């Protein structure tokens, strides 16, 4: 199973990464990624539409008590953004490989399988 970070959603929506890059693996998206990918003031309507279409094909994972507790522990262990902690916690809880272009933000997390598809597609 794959868990997509916000930047990967945006890269797919903009065509930087092809939708077929994920193959046949089940794909999840943390609820915070849904918010982050659509929640910026300068988003253009065509971008919003494309991101919404993409998100509609994914399984959105809501915050659960377990994900919240994992995110708390991650933030207690090392300074990191709330969004990154929730993304990492969701990937850990689901046993998913986290796809992100910002691998350095997550490299300190034991047990988290992180992959940068931008490096693989070049």
PDB file of N, CA and C in Angstrom:
ATOM      1  N   UNK A   1       0.849  -1.169   0.000  1.00  0.00           N
ATOM      2  CA  UNK A   1       0.000   0.000   0.000  1.00  0.00           C
ATOM      3  C   UNK A   1       0.898   1.237   0.000  1.00  0.00           C
ATOM      4  N   UNK A   2       0.430   2.280  -0.692  1.00  0.00           N
ATOM      5  CA  UNK A   2       1.168   3.541  -0.782  1.00  0.00           C
ATOM      6  C   UNK A   2       0.397   4.645  -0.071  1.00  0.00           C
ATOM      7  N   UNK A   3       1.145   5.513   0.589  1.00  0.00           N
ATOM      8  CA  UNK A   3       0.572   6.690   1.245  1.00  0.00           C
ATOM      9  C   UNK A   3       1.215   7.908   0.582  1.00  0.00           C
ATOM     10  N   UNK A   4       0.396   8.773  -0.004  1.00  0.00           N
ATOM     11  CA  UNK A   4       0.933   9.911  -0.754  1.00  0.00           C
ATOM     12  C   UNK A   4       0.972  11.178   0.089  1.00  0.00           C
ATOM     13  N   UNK A   5       2.115  11.853   0.039  1.00  0.00           N
ATOM     14  CA  UNK A   5       2.287  13.148   0.678  1.00  0.00           C
ATOM     15  C   UNK A   5       1.711  14.226  -0.241  1.00  0.00           C
ATOM     16  N   UNK A   6       1.503  15.400   0.302  1.00  0.00           N
ATOM     17  CA  UNK A   6       0.899  16.512  -0.435  1.00  0.00           C
ATOM     18  C   UNK A   6       1.640  16.814  -1.732  1.00  0.00           C
ATOM     19  N   UNK A   7       2.968  16.854  -1.680  1.00  0.00           N
ATOM     20  CA  UNK A   7       3.719  17.223  -2.875  1.00  0.00           C
ATOM     21  C   UNK A   7       3.519  16.218  -4.000  1.00  0.00           C
ATOM     22  N   UNK A   8       3.314  14.972  -3.688  1.00  0.00           N
ATOM     23  CA  UNK A   8       3.102  13.967  -4.730  1.00  0.00           C
ATOM     24  C   UNK A   8       1.735  14.165  -5.381  1.00  0.00           C
ATOM     25  N   UNK A   9       0.725  14.475  -4.589  1.00  0.00           N
ATOM     26  CA  UNK A   9      -0.606  14.786  -5.139  1.00  0.00           C
ATOM     27  C   UNK A   9      -0.487  15.949  -6.124  1.00  0.00           C
ATOM     28  N   UNK A  10       0.223  16.986  -5.734  1.00  0.00           N
ATOM     29  CA  UNK A  10       0.367  18.179  -6.582  1.00  0.00           C
ATOM     30  C   UNK A  10       1.165  17.848  -7.846  1.00  0.00           C
ATOM     31  N   UNK A  11       2.241  17.061  -7.717  1.00  0.00           N
ATOM     32  CA  UNK A  11       3.031  16.684  -8.894  1.00  0.00           C
ATOM     33  C   UNK A  11       2.219  15.850  -9.878  1.00  0.00           C
ATOM     34  N   UNK A  12       1.389  14.960  -9.374  1.00  0.00           N
ATOM     35  CA  UNK A  12       0.536  14.165 -10.267  1.00  0.00           C
ATOM     36  C   UNK A  12      -0.498  15.072 -10.926  1.00  0.00           C
ATOM     37  N   UNK A  13      -1.119  15.943 -10.153  1.00  0.00           N
ATOM     38  CA  UNK A  13      -2.142  16.847 -10.692  1.00  0.00           C
ATOM     39  C   UNK A  13      -1.577  17.776 -11.759  1.00  0.00           C
ATOM     40  N   UNK A  14      -0.339  18.191 -11.597  1.00  0.00           N
ATOM     41  CA  UNK A  14       0.300  19.090 -12.567  1.00  0.00           C
ATOM     42  C   UNK A  14       0.966  18.362 -13.722  1.00  0.00           C
ATOM     43  N   UNK A  15       1.001  17.026 -13.666  1.00  0.00           N
ATOM     44  CA  UNK A  15       1.598  16.259 -14.741  1.00  0.00           C
ATOM     45  C   UNK A  15       3.094  16.042 -14.612  1.00  0.00           C
ATOM     46  N   UNK A  16       3.703  16.519 -13.529  1.00  0.00           N
ATOM     47  CA  UNK A  16       5.125  16.285 -13.306  1.00  0.00           C
ATOM     48  C   UNK A  16       5.384  14.790 -13.128  1.00  0.00           C
ATOM     49  N   UNK A  17       4.454  14.121 -12.485  1.00  0.00           N
ATOM     50  CA  UNK A  17       4.462  12.661 -12.362  1.00  0.00           C
ATOM     51  C   UNK A  17       3.219  12.128 -13.052  1.00  0.00           C
ATOM     52  N   UNK A  18       3.351  11.047 -13.772  1.00  0.00           N
ATOM     53  CA  UNK A  18       2.188  10.438 -14.407  1.00  0.00           C
ATOM     54  C   UNK A  18       1.369   9.648 -13.399  1.00  0.00           C
ATOM     55  N   UNK A  19       0.064   9.624 -13.588  1.00  0.00           N
ATOM     56  CA  UNK A  19      -0.808   8.872 -12.685  1.00  0.00           C
ATOM     57  C   UNK A  19      -0.454   7.394 -12.661  1.00  0.00           C
ATOM     58  N   UNK A  20       0.086   6.891 -13.763  1.00  0.00           N
ATOM     59  CA  UNK A  20       0.411   5.476 -13.843  1.00  0.00           C
ATOM     60  C   UNK A  20       1.656   5.104 -13.046  1.00  0.00           C
ATOM     61  N   UNK A  21       2.350   6.089 -12.477  1.00  0.00           N
ATOM     62  CA  UNK A  21       3.582   5.812 -11.742  1.00  0.00           C
ATOM     63  C   UNK A  21       3.330   4.933 -10.525  1.00  0.00           C
ATOM     64  N   UNK A  22       2.130   4.993  -9.963  1.00  0.00           N
ATOM     65  CA  UNK A  22       1.840   4.225  -8.756  1.00  0.00           C
ATOM     66  C   UNK A  22       1.496   2.771  -9.048  1.00  0.00           C
ATOM     67  N   UNK A  23       1.271   2.431 -10.282  1.00  0.00           N
ATOM     68  CA  UNK A  23       0.967   1.046 -10.633  1.00  0.00           C
ATOM     69  C   UNK A  23      -0.369   0.598 -10.079  1.00  0.00           C
ATOM     70  N   UNK A  24      -0.413  -0.633  -9.622  1.00  0.00           N
ATOM     71  CA  UNK A  24      -1.666  -1.208  -9.132  1.00  0.00           C
ATOM     72  C   UNK A  24      -1.767  -1.260  -7.619  1.00  0.00           C
ATOM     73  N   UNK A  25      -0.803  -0.670  -6.933  1.00  0.00           N
ATOM     74  CA  UNK A  25      -0.837  -0.681  -5.476  1.00  0.00           C
ATOM     75  C   UNK A  25      -2.018   0.118  -4.949  1.00  0.00           C
ATOM     76  N   UNK A  26      -2.657  -0.350  -3.867  1.00  0.00           N
ATOM     77  CA  UNK A  26      -3.691   0.474  -3.232  1.00  0.00           C
ATOM     78  C   UNK A  26      -3.054   1.771  -2.718  1.00  0.00           C
ATOM     79  N   UNK A  27      -3.783   2.872  -2.851  1.00  0.00           N
ATOM     80  CA  UNK A  27      -3.242   4.184  -2.478  1.00  0.00           C
ATOM     81  C   UNK A  27      -4.131   4.832  -1.439  1.00  0.00           C
ATOM     82  N   UNK A  28      -3.477   5.325  -0.375  1.00  0.00           N
ATOM     83  CA  UNK A  28      -4.203   6.076   0.641  1.00  0.00           C
ATOM     84  C   UNK A  28      -3.665   7.497   0.696  1.00  0.00           C
ATOM     85  N   UNK A  29      -4.465   8.345   1.283  1.00  0.00           N
ATOM     86  CA  UNK A  29      -4.123   9.754   1.415  1.00  0.00           C
ATOM     87  C   UNK A  29      -4.575  10.216   2.795  1.00  0.00           C
ATOM     88  N   UNK A  30      -3.665  10.671   3.646  1.00  0.00           N
ATOM     89  CA  UNK A  30      -4.078  11.195   4.942  1.00  0.00           C
ATOM     90  C   UNK A  30      -4.994  12.405   4.775  1.00  0.00           C
ATOM     91  N   UNK A  31      -5.940  12.565   5.670  1.00  0.00           N
ATOM     92  CA  UNK A  31      -6.885  13.681   5.564  1.00  0.00           C
ATOM     93  C   UNK A  31      -6.168  15.029   5.535  1.00  0.00           C
ATOM     94  N   UNK A  32      -5.040  15.149   6.214  1.00  0.00           N
ATOM     95  CA  UNK A  32      -4.293  16.413   6.206  1.00  0.00           C
ATOM     96  C   UNK A  32      -3.767  16.726   4.811  1.00  0.00           C
ATOM     97  N   UNK A  33      -3.437  15.704   4.033  1.00  0.00           N
ATOM     98  CA  UNK A  33      -2.967  15.909   2.652  1.00  0.00           C
ATOM     99  C   UNK A  33      -4.107  16.447   1.798  1.00  0.00           C
ATOM    100  N   UNK A  34      -5.303  15.958   2.031  1.00  0.00           N
ATOM    101  CA  UNK A  34      -6.490  16.472   1.337  1.00  0.00           C
ATOM    102  C   UNK A  34      -6.619  17.974   1.598  1.00  0.00           C
ATOM    103  N   UNK A  35      -6.482  18.366   2.847  1.00  0.00           N
ATOM    104  CA  UNK A  35      -6.587  19.784   3.231  1.00  0.00           C
ATOM    105  C   UNK A  35      -5.440  20.594   2.638  1.00  0.00           C
ATOM    106  N   UNK A  36      -4.208  20.100   2.795  1.00  0.00           N
ATOM    107  CA  UNK A  36      -3.042  20.845   2.317  1.00  0.00           C
ATOM    108  C   UNK A  36      -3.038  21.023   0.798  1.00  0.00           C
ATOM    109  N   UNK A  37      -3.421  19.996   0.072  1.00  0.00           N
ATOM    110  CA  UNK A  37      -3.334  20.076  -1.389  1.00  0.00           C
ATOM    111  C   UNK A  37      -4.363  21.022  -1.996  1.00  0.00           C
ATOM    112  N   UNK A  38      -5.454  21.244  -1.301  1.00  0.00           N
ATOM    113  CA  UNK A  38      -6.494  22.153  -1.803  1.00  0.00           C
ATOM    114  C   UNK A  38      -6.546  23.489  -1.063  1.00  0.00           C
ATOM    115  N   UNK A  39      -5.883  23.574   0.070  1.00  0.00           N
ATOM    116  CA  UNK A  39      -6.085  24.710   0.962  1.00  0.00           C
ATOM    117  C   UNK A  39      -5.063  25.815   0.875  1.00  0.00           C
ATOM    118  N   UNK A  40      -4.751  26.271  -0.324  1.00  0.00           N
ATOM    119  CA  UNK A  40      -3.886  27.446  -0.411  1.00  0.00           C
ATOM    120  C   UNK A  40      -4.578  28.512  -1.249  1.00  0.00           C
ATOM    121  N   UNK A  41      -4.390  29.787  -0.891  1.00  0.00           N
ATOM    122  CA  UNK A  41      -5.187  30.873  -1.479  1.00  0.00           C
ATOM    123  C   UNK A  41      -5.015  31.087  -2.975  1.00  0.00           C
ATOM    124  N   UNK A  42      -3.859  30.757  -3.527  1.00  0.00           N
ATOM    125  CA  UNK A  42      -3.626  31.058  -4.946  1.00  0.00           C
ATOM    126  C   UNK A  42      -3.971  29.891  -5.870  1.00  0.00           C
ATOM    127  N   UNK A  43      -4.680  28.895  -5.369  1.00  0.00           N
ATOM    128  CA  UNK A  43      -5.013  27.749  -6.208  1.00  0.00           C
ATOM    129  C   UNK A  43      -5.932  28.184  -7.350  1.00  0.00           C
ATOM    130  N   UNK A  44      -5.613  27.747  -8.534  1.00  0.00           N
ATOM    131  CA  UNK A  44      -6.434  28.073  -9.708  1.00  0.00           C
ATOM    132  C   UNK A  44      -7.558  27.049  -9.814  1.00  0.00           C
ATOM    133  N   UNK A  45      -8.646  27.439 -10.411  1.00  0.00           N
ATOM    134  CA  UNK A  45      -9.803  26.554 -10.477  1.00  0.00           C
ATOM    135  C   UNK A  45      -9.488  25.252 -11.227  1.00  0.00           C
ATOM    136  N   UNK A  46      -8.685  25.324 -12.264  1.00  0.00           N
ATOM    137  CA  UNK A  46      -8.328  24.110 -13.005  1.00  0.00           C
ATOM    138  C   UNK A  46      -7.466  23.193 -12.146  1.00  0.00           C
ATOM    139  N   UNK A  47      -6.571  23.769 -11.322  1.00  0.00           N
ATOM    140  CA  UNK A  47      -5.757  22.974 -10.401  1.00  0.00           C
ATOM    141  C   UNK A  47      -6.645  22.313  -9.351  1.00  0.00           C
ATOM    142  N   UNK A  48      -7.554  23.083  -8.800  1.00  0.00           N
ATOM    143  CA  UNK A  48      -8.459  22.550  -7.787  1.00  0.00           C
ATOM    144  C   UNK A  48      -9.278  21.393  -8.359  1.00  0.00           C
ATOM    145  N   UNK A  49      -9.785  21.573  -9.555  1.00  0.00           N
ATOM    146  CA  UNK A  49     -10.592  20.524 -10.188  1.00  0.00           C
ATOM    147  C   UNK A  49      -9.763  19.253 -10.376  1.00  0.00           C
ATOM    148  N   UNK A  50      -8.551  19.399 -10.885  1.00  0.00           N
ATOM    149  CA  UNK A  50      -7.693  18.236 -11.137  1.00  0.00           C
ATOM    150  C   UNK A  50      -7.329  17.530  -9.831  1.00  0.00           C
ATOM    151  N   UNK A  51      -7.001  18.290  -8.793  1.00  0.00           N
ATOM    152  CA  UNK A  51      -6.662  17.688  -7.505  1.00  0.00           C
ATOM    153  C   UNK A  51      -7.877  16.980  -6.917  1.00  0.00           C
ATOM    154  N   UNK A  52      -9.048  17.607  -7.007  1.00  0.00           N
ATOM    155  CA  UNK A  52     -10.270  16.960  -6.501  1.00  0.00           C
ATOM    156  C   UNK A  52     -10.560  15.658  -7.248  1.00  0.00           C
ATOM    157  N   UNK A  53     -10.353  15.657  -8.556  1.00  0.00           N
ATOM    158  CA  UNK A  53     -10.558  14.431  -9.341  1.00  0.00           C
ATOM    159  C   UNK A  53      -9.588  13.331  -8.895  1.00  0.00           C
ATOM    160  N   UNK A  54      -8.349  13.715  -8.678  1.00  0.00           N
ATOM    161  CA  UNK A  54      -7.352  12.754  -8.233  1.00  0.00           C
ATOM    162  C   UNK A  54      -7.684  12.220  -6.838  1.00  0.00           C
ATOM    163  N   UNK A  55      -8.009  13.107  -5.921  1.00  0.00           N
ATOM    164  CA  UNK A  55      -8.333  12.691  -4.556  1.00  0.00           C
ATOM    165  C   UNK A  55      -9.549  11.770  -4.515  1.00  0.00           C
ATOM    166  N   UNK A  56     -10.478  11.977  -5.436  1.00  0.00           N
ATOM    167  CA  UNK A  56     -11.683  11.142  -5.481  1.00  0.00           C
ATOM    168  C   UNK A  56     -11.355   9.689  -5.804  1.00  0.00           C
ATOM    169  N   UNK A  57     -10.185   9.438  -6.372  1.00  0.00           N
ATOM    170  CA  UNK A  57      -9.793   8.068  -6.720  1.00  0.00           C
ATOM    171  C   UNK A  57      -9.012   7.382  -5.599  1.00  0.00           C
ATOM    172  N   UNK A  58      -8.707   8.111  -4.542  1.00  0.00           N
ATOM    173  CA  UNK A  58      -7.892   7.584  -3.450  1.00  0.00           C
ATOM    174  C   UNK A  58      -8.746   7.312  -2.215  1.00  0.00           C
ATOM    175  N   UNK A  59      -8.225   6.504  -1.324  1.00  0.00           N
ATOM    176  CA  UNK A  59      -8.872   6.286  -0.034  1.00  0.00           C
ATOM    177  C   UNK A  59      -8.328   7.327   0.935  1.00  0.00           C
ATOM    178  N   UNK A  60      -9.188   8.216   1.386  1.00  0.00           N
ATOM    179  CA  UNK A  60      -8.789   9.258   2.340  1.00  0.00           C
ATOM    180  C   UNK A  60      -8.886   8.664   3.751  1.00  0.00           C
ATOM    181  N   UNK A  61      -7.787   8.742   4.488  1.00  0.00           N
ATOM    182  CA  UNK A  61      -7.732   8.190   5.834  1.00  0.00           C
ATOM    183  C   UNK A  61      -7.959   9.316   6.845  1.00  0.00           C
ATOM    184  N   UNK A  62      -9.042   9.226   7.605  1.00  0.00           N
ATOM    185  CA  UNK A  62      -9.316  10.270   8.600  1.00  0.00           C
ATOM    186  C   UNK A  62      -8.391  10.133   9.808  1.00  0.00           C
ATOM    187  N   UNK A  63      -8.313  11.190  10.591  1.00  0.00           N
ATOM    188  CA  UNK A  63      -7.570  11.129  11.847  1.00  0.00           C
ATOM    189  C   UNK A  63      -8.278  10.153  12.783  1.00  0.00           C
ATOM    190  N   UNK A  64      -7.504   9.270  13.353  1.00  0.00           N
ATOM    191  CA  UNK A  64      -8.030   8.353  14.368  1.00  0.00           C
ATOM    192  C   UNK A  64      -7.262   8.611  15.653  1.00  0.00           C
ATOM    193  N   UNK A  65      -7.742   8.061  16.752  1.00  0.00           N
ATOM    194  CA  UNK A  65      -7.023   8.218  18.016  1.00  0.00           C
ATOM    195  C   UNK A  65      -5.613   7.642  17.914  1.00  0.00           C
ATOM    196  N   UNK A  66      -5.466   6.521  17.226  1.00  0.00           N
ATOM    197  CA  UNK A  66      -4.144   5.904  17.081  1.00  0.00           C
ATOM    198  C   UNK A  66      -3.209   6.784  16.269  1.00  0.00           C
ATOM    199  N   UNK A  67      -3.687   7.316  15.159  1.00  0.00           N
ATOM    200  CA  UNK A  67      -2.852   8.209  14.336  1.00  0.00           C
ATOM    201  C   UNK A  67      -2.472   9.448  15.140  1.00  0.00           C
ATOM    202  N   UNK A  68      -3.394   9.983  15.896  1.00  0.00           N
ATOM    203  CA  UNK A  68      -3.099  11.152  16.727  1.00  0.00           C
ATOM    204  C   UNK A  68      -1.996  10.831  17.730  1.00  0.00           C
ATOM    205  N   UNK A  69      -2.077   9.691  18.391  1.00  0.00           N
ATOM    206  CA  UNK A  69      -1.058   9.320  19.390  1.00  0.00           C
ATOM    207  C   UNK A  69       0.308   9.100  18.747  1.00  0.00           C
ATOM    208  N   UNK A  70       0.334   8.478  17.594  1.00  0.00           N
ATOM    209  CA  UNK A  70       1.610   8.292  16.887  1.00  0.00           C
ATOM    210  C   UNK A  70       2.190   9.651  16.498  1.00  0.00           C
ATOM    211  N   UNK A  71       1.351  10.545  15.985  1.00  0.00           N
ATOM    212  CA  UNK A  71       1.812  11.883  15.597  1.00  0.00           C
ATOM    213  C   UNK A  71       2.356  12.646  16.806  1.00  0.00           C
ATOM    214  N   UNK A  72       1.711  12.508  17.941  1.00  0.00           N
ATOM    215  CA  UNK A  72       2.195  13.165  19.166  1.00  0.00           C
ATOM    216  C   UNK A  72       3.588  12.647  19.517  1.00  0.00           C
ATOM    217  N   UNK A  73       3.751  11.322  19.501  1.00  0.00           N
ATOM    218  CA  UNK A  73       5.061  10.735  19.824  1.00  0.00           C
ATOM    219  C   UNK A  73       6.130  11.198  18.843  1.00  0.00           C
ATOM    220  N   UNK A  74       5.781  11.280  17.572  1.00  0.00           N
ATOM    221  CA  UNK A  74       6.753  11.743  16.573  1.00  0.00           C
ATOM    222  C   UNK A  74       7.185  13.180  16.854  1.00  0.00           C
ATOM    223  N   UNK A  75       6.234  14.022  17.191  1.00  0.00           N
ATOM    224  CA  UNK A  75       6.562  15.433  17.461  1.00  0.00           C
ATOM    225  C   UNK A  75       7.313  15.595  18.763  1.00  0.00           C
ATOM    226  N   UNK A  76       7.063  14.718  19.725  1.00  0.00           N
ATOM    227  CA  UNK A  76       7.822  14.762  20.973  1.00  0.00           C
ATOM    228  C   UNK A  76       9.274  14.351  20.750  1.00  0.00           C
ATOM    229  N   UNK A  77       9.486  13.465  19.779  1.00  0.00           N
ATOM    230  CA  UNK A  77      10.825  12.948  19.512  1.00  0.00           C
ATOM    231  C   UNK A  77      11.722  13.899  18.755  1.00  0.00           C
ATOM    232  N   UNK A  78      11.139  14.666  17.853  1.00  0.00           N
ATOM    233  CA  UNK A  78      11.928  15.603  17.053  1.00  0.00           C
ATOM    234  C   UNK A  78      10.990  16.670  16.503  1.00  0.00           C
ATOM    235  N   UNK A  79      11.494  17.894  16.427  1.00  0.00           N
ATOM    236  CA  UNK A  79      10.683  18.979  15.890  1.00  0.00           C
ATOM    237  C   UNK A  79      10.318  18.673  14.444  1.00  0.00           C
ATOM    238  N   UNK A  80       9.008  18.701  14.176  1.00  0.00           N
ATOM    239  CA  UNK A  80       8.511  18.505  12.815  1.00  0.00           C
ATOM    240  C   UNK A  80       7.148  19.150  12.725  1.00  0.00           C
ATOM    241  N   UNK A  81       6.721  19.453  11.518  1.00  0.00           N
ATOM    242  CA  UNK A  81       5.431  20.109  11.345  1.00  0.00           C
ATOM    243  C   UNK A  81       4.308  19.147  11.713  1.00  0.00           C
ATOM    244  N   UNK A  82       3.189  19.714  12.081  1.00  0.00           N
ATOM    245  CA  UNK A  82       2.020  18.903  12.415  1.00  0.00           C
ATOM    246  C   UNK A  82       1.595  18.075  11.205  1.00  0.00           C
ATOM    247  N   UNK A  83       1.585  18.699  10.020  1.00  0.00           N
ATOM    248  CA  UNK A  83       1.205  17.983   8.808  1.00  0.00           C
ATOM    249  C   UNK A  83       2.103  16.788   8.547  1.00  0.00           C
ATOM    250  N   UNK A  84       3.418  16.974   8.645  1.00  0.00           N
ATOM    251  CA  UNK A  84       4.349  15.869   8.425  1.00  0.00           C
ATOM    252  C   UNK A  84       4.156  14.764   9.461  1.00  0.00           C
ATOM    253  N   UNK A  85       3.902  15.150  10.702  1.00  0.00           N
ATOM    254  CA  UNK A  85       3.688  14.146  11.748  1.00  0.00           C
ATOM    255  C   UNK A  85       2.438  13.317  11.461  1.00  0.00           C
ATOM    256  N   UNK A  86       1.377  13.955  10.997  1.00  0.00           N
ATOM    257  CA  UNK A  86       0.143  13.229  10.677  1.00  0.00           C
ATOM    258  C   UNK A  86       0.347  12.328   9.460  1.00  0.00           C
ATOM    259  N   UNK A  87       1.045  12.825   8.455  1.00  0.00           N
ATOM    260  CA  UNK A  87       1.330  12.015   7.266  1.00  0.00           C
ATOM    261  C   UNK A  87       2.148  10.784   7.662  1.00  0.00           C
ATOM    262  N   UNK A  88       3.217  10.986   8.414  1.00  0.00           N
ATOM    263  CA  UNK A  88       4.067   9.875   8.837  1.00  0.00           C
ATOM    264  C   UNK A  88       3.291   8.898   9.717  1.00  0.00           C
ATOM    265  N   UNK A  89       2.496   9.415  10.634  1.00  0.00           N
ATOM    266  CA  UNK A  89       1.712   8.557  11.523  1.00  0.00           C
ATOM    267  C   UNK A  89       0.715   7.717  10.734  1.00  0.00           C
ATOM    268  N   UNK A  90       0.105   8.306   9.723  1.00  0.00           N
ATOM    269  CA  UNK A  90      -0.851   7.577   8.886  1.00  0.00           C
ATOM    270  C   UNK A  90      -0.142   6.454   8.135  1.00  0.00           C
ATOM    271  N   UNK A  91       1.024   6.743   7.584  1.00  0.00           N
ATOM    272  CA  UNK A  91       1.790   5.717   6.865  1.00  0.00           C
ATOM    273  C   UNK A  91       2.220   4.600   7.817  1.00  0.00           C
ATOM    274  N   UNK A  92       2.689   4.969   8.991  1.00  0.00           N
ATOM    275  CA  UNK A  92       3.107   3.960   9.963  1.00  0.00           C
ATOM    276  C   UNK A  92       1.933   3.088  10.399  1.00  0.00           C
ATOM    277  N   UNK A  93       0.825   3.705  10.733  1.00  0.00           N
ATOM    278  CA  UNK A  93      -0.348   2.974  11.219  1.00  0.00           C
ATOM    279  C   UNK A  93      -0.895   2.017  10.167  1.00  0.00           C
ATOM    280  N   UNK A  94      -0.837   2.418   8.916  1.00  0.00           N
ATOM    281  CA  UNK A  94      -1.390   1.595   7.838  1.00  0.00           C
ATOM    282  C   UNK A  94      -0.369   0.615   7.255  1.00  0.00           C
ATOM    283  N   UNK A  95       0.896   0.737   7.666  1.00  0.00           N
ATOM    284  CA  UNK A  95       1.943  -0.116   7.115  1.00  0.00           C
ATOM    285  C   UNK A  95       2.260   0.211   5.669  1.00  0.00           C
ATOM    286  N   UNK A  96       2.038   1.454   5.279  1.00  0.00           N
ATOM    287  CA  UNK A  96       2.223   1.893   3.898  1.00  0.00           C
ATOM    288  C   UNK A  96       3.623   2.451   3.666  1.00  0.00           C
ATOM    289  N   UNK A  97       4.030   2.413   2.408  1.00  0.00           N
ATOM    290  CA  UNK A  97       5.238   3.118   1.986  1.00  0.00           C
ATOM    291  C   UNK A  97       4.838   4.565   1.727  1.00  0.00           C
ATOM    292  N   UNK A  98       5.562   5.500   2.333  1.00  0.00           N
ATOM    293  CA  UNK A  98       5.269   6.922   2.158  1.00  0.00           C
ATOM    294  C   UNK A  98       5.989   7.447   0.928  1.00  0.00           C
ATOM    295  N   UNK A  99       5.214   7.976  -0.018  1.00  0.00           N
ATOM    296  CA  UNK A  99       5.777   8.609  -1.203  1.00  0.00           C
ATOM    297  C   UNK A  99       5.812  10.112  -0.973  1.00  0.00           C
ATOM    298  N   UNK A 100       7.002  10.688  -1.053  1.00  0.00           N
ATOM    299  CA  UNK A 100       7.183  12.118  -0.846  1.00  0.00           C
ATOM    300  C   UNK A 100       8.419  12.594  -1.593  1.00  0.00           C
ATOM    301  N   UNK A 101       8.412  13.855  -1.982  1.00  0.00           N
ATOM    302  CA  UNK A 101       9.607  14.461  -2.569  1.00  0.00           C
ATOM    303  C   UNK A 101      10.499  15.034  -1.473  1.00  0.00           C
ATOM    304  N   UNK A 102       9.992  15.082  -0.259  1.00  0.00           N
ATOM    305  CA  UNK A 102      10.738  15.648   0.870  1.00  0.00           C
ATOM    306  C   UNK A 102      11.195  14.546   1.815  1.00  0.00           C
ATOM    307  N   UNK A 103      12.007  13.642   1.333  1.00  0.00           N
ATOM    308  CA  UNK A 103      12.415  12.499   2.146  1.00  0.00           C
ATOM    309  C   UNK A 103      13.184  12.921   3.406  1.00  0.00           C
ATOM    310  N   UNK A 104      13.914  14.016   3.339  1.00  0.00           N
ATOM    311  CA  UNK A 104      14.677  14.471   4.509  1.00  0.00           C
ATOM    312  C   UNK A 104      13.772  14.800   5.703  1.00  0.00           C
ATOM    313  N   UNK A 105      12.529  15.210   5.431  1.00  0.00           N
ATOM    314  CA  UNK A 105      11.601  15.528   6.510  1.00  0.00           C
ATOM    315  C   UNK A 105      11.203  14.300   7.315  1.00  0.00           C
ATOM    316  N   UNK A 106      11.448  13.116   6.755  1.00  0.00           N
ATOM    317  CA  UNK A 106      10.963  11.884   7.371  1.00  0.00           C
ATOM    318  C   UNK A 106      12.056  10.866   7.677  1.00  0.00           C
ATOM    319  N   UNK A 107      13.291  11.146   7.299  1.00  0.00           N
ATOM    320  CA  UNK A 107      14.348  10.139   7.412  1.00  0.00           C
ATOM    321  C   UNK A 107      14.682   9.758   8.854  1.00  0.00           C
ATOM    322  N   UNK A 108      14.321  10.575   9.808  1.00  0.00           N
ATOM    323  CA  UNK A 108      14.629  10.294  11.210  1.00  0.00           C
ATOM    324  C   UNK A 108      13.626   9.341  11.874  1.00  0.00           C
ATOM    325  N   UNK A 109      12.598   8.934  11.155  1.00  0.00           N
ATOM    326  CA  UNK A 109      11.520   8.147  11.755  1.00  0.00           C
ATOM    327  C   UNK A 109      11.783   6.655  11.549  1.00  0.00           C
ATOM    328  N   UNK A 110      12.046   5.973  12.643  1.00  0.00           N
ATOM    329  CA  UNK A 110      12.305   4.534  12.594  1.00  0.00           C
ATOM    330  C   UNK A 110      11.066   3.789  12.118  1.00  0.00           C
ATOM    331  N   UNK A 111      11.290   2.830  11.245  1.00  0.00           N
ATOM    332  CA  UNK A 111      10.213   1.977  10.770  1.00  0.00           C
ATOM    333  C   UNK A 111       9.390   2.545   9.638  1.00  0.00           C
ATOM    334  N   UNK A 112       9.671   3.777   9.231  1.00  0.00           N
ATOM    335  CA  UNK A 112       8.917   4.401   8.142  1.00  0.00           C
ATOM    336  C   UNK A 112       9.632   4.147   6.822  1.00  0.00           C
ATOM    337  N   UNK A 113       8.916   3.561   5.887  1.00  0.00           N
ATOM    338  CA  UNK A 113       9.451   3.252   4.564  1.00  0.00           C
ATOM    339  C   UNK A 113       9.132   4.439   3.652  1.00  0.00           C
ATOM    340  N   UNK A 114      10.171   5.196   3.274  1.00  0.00           N
ATOM    341  CA  UNK A 114      10.006   6.433   2.505  1.00  0.00           C
ATOM    342  C   UNK A 114      10.583   6.247   1.099  1.00  0.00           C
ATOM    343  N   UNK A 115       9.866   6.774   0.112  1.00  0.00           N
ATOM    344  CA  UNK A 115      10.279   6.645  -1.276  1.00  0.00           C
ATOM    345  C   UNK A 115      10.023   7.970  -1.999  1.00  0.00           C
ATOM    346  N   UNK A 116      10.989   8.395  -2.833  1.00  0.00           N
ATOM    347  CA  UNK A 116      10.845   9.606  -3.626  1.00  0.00           C
ATOM    348  C   UNK A 116      10.681   9.220  -5.102  1.00  0.00           C
ATOM    349  N   UNK A 117       9.448   9.246  -5.627  1.00  0.00           N
ATOM    350  CA  UNK A 117       9.242   8.850  -7.013  1.00  0.00           C
ATOM    351  C   UNK A 117       9.835   9.826  -8.026  1.00  0.00           C
ATOM    352  N   UNK A 118      10.127  11.049  -7.612  1.00  0.00           N
ATOM    353  CA  UNK A 118      10.752  12.002  -8.528  1.00  0.00           C
ATOM    354  C   UNK A 118      12.168  11.541  -8.892  1.00  0.00           C
ATOM    355  N   UNK A 119      12.877  10.982  -7.952  1.00  0.00           N
ATOM    356  CA  UNK A 119      14.224  10.495  -8.233  1.00  0.00           C
ATOM    357  C   UNK A 119      14.182   9.278  -9.146  1.00  0.00           C
ATOM    358  N   UNK A 120      13.139   8.473  -9.003  1.00  0.00           N
ATOM    359  CA  UNK A 120      13.019   7.271  -9.812  1.00  0.00           C
ATOM    360  C   UNK A 120      12.563   7.581 -11.237  1.00  0.00           C
ATOM    361  N   UNK A 121      11.826   8.680 -11.427  1.00  0.00           N
ATOM    362  CA  UNK A 121      11.269   8.990 -12.747  1.00  0.00           C
ATOM    363  C   UNK A 121      12.231   9.805 -13.610  1.00  0.00           C
ATOM    364  N   UNK A 122      13.373  10.178 -13.077  1.00  0.00           N
ATOM    365  CA  UNK A 122      14.323  10.991 -13.832  1.00  0.00           C
ATOM    366  C   UNK A 122      15.259  10.147 -14.643  1.00  0.00           C
TER     367      UNK A 122
END
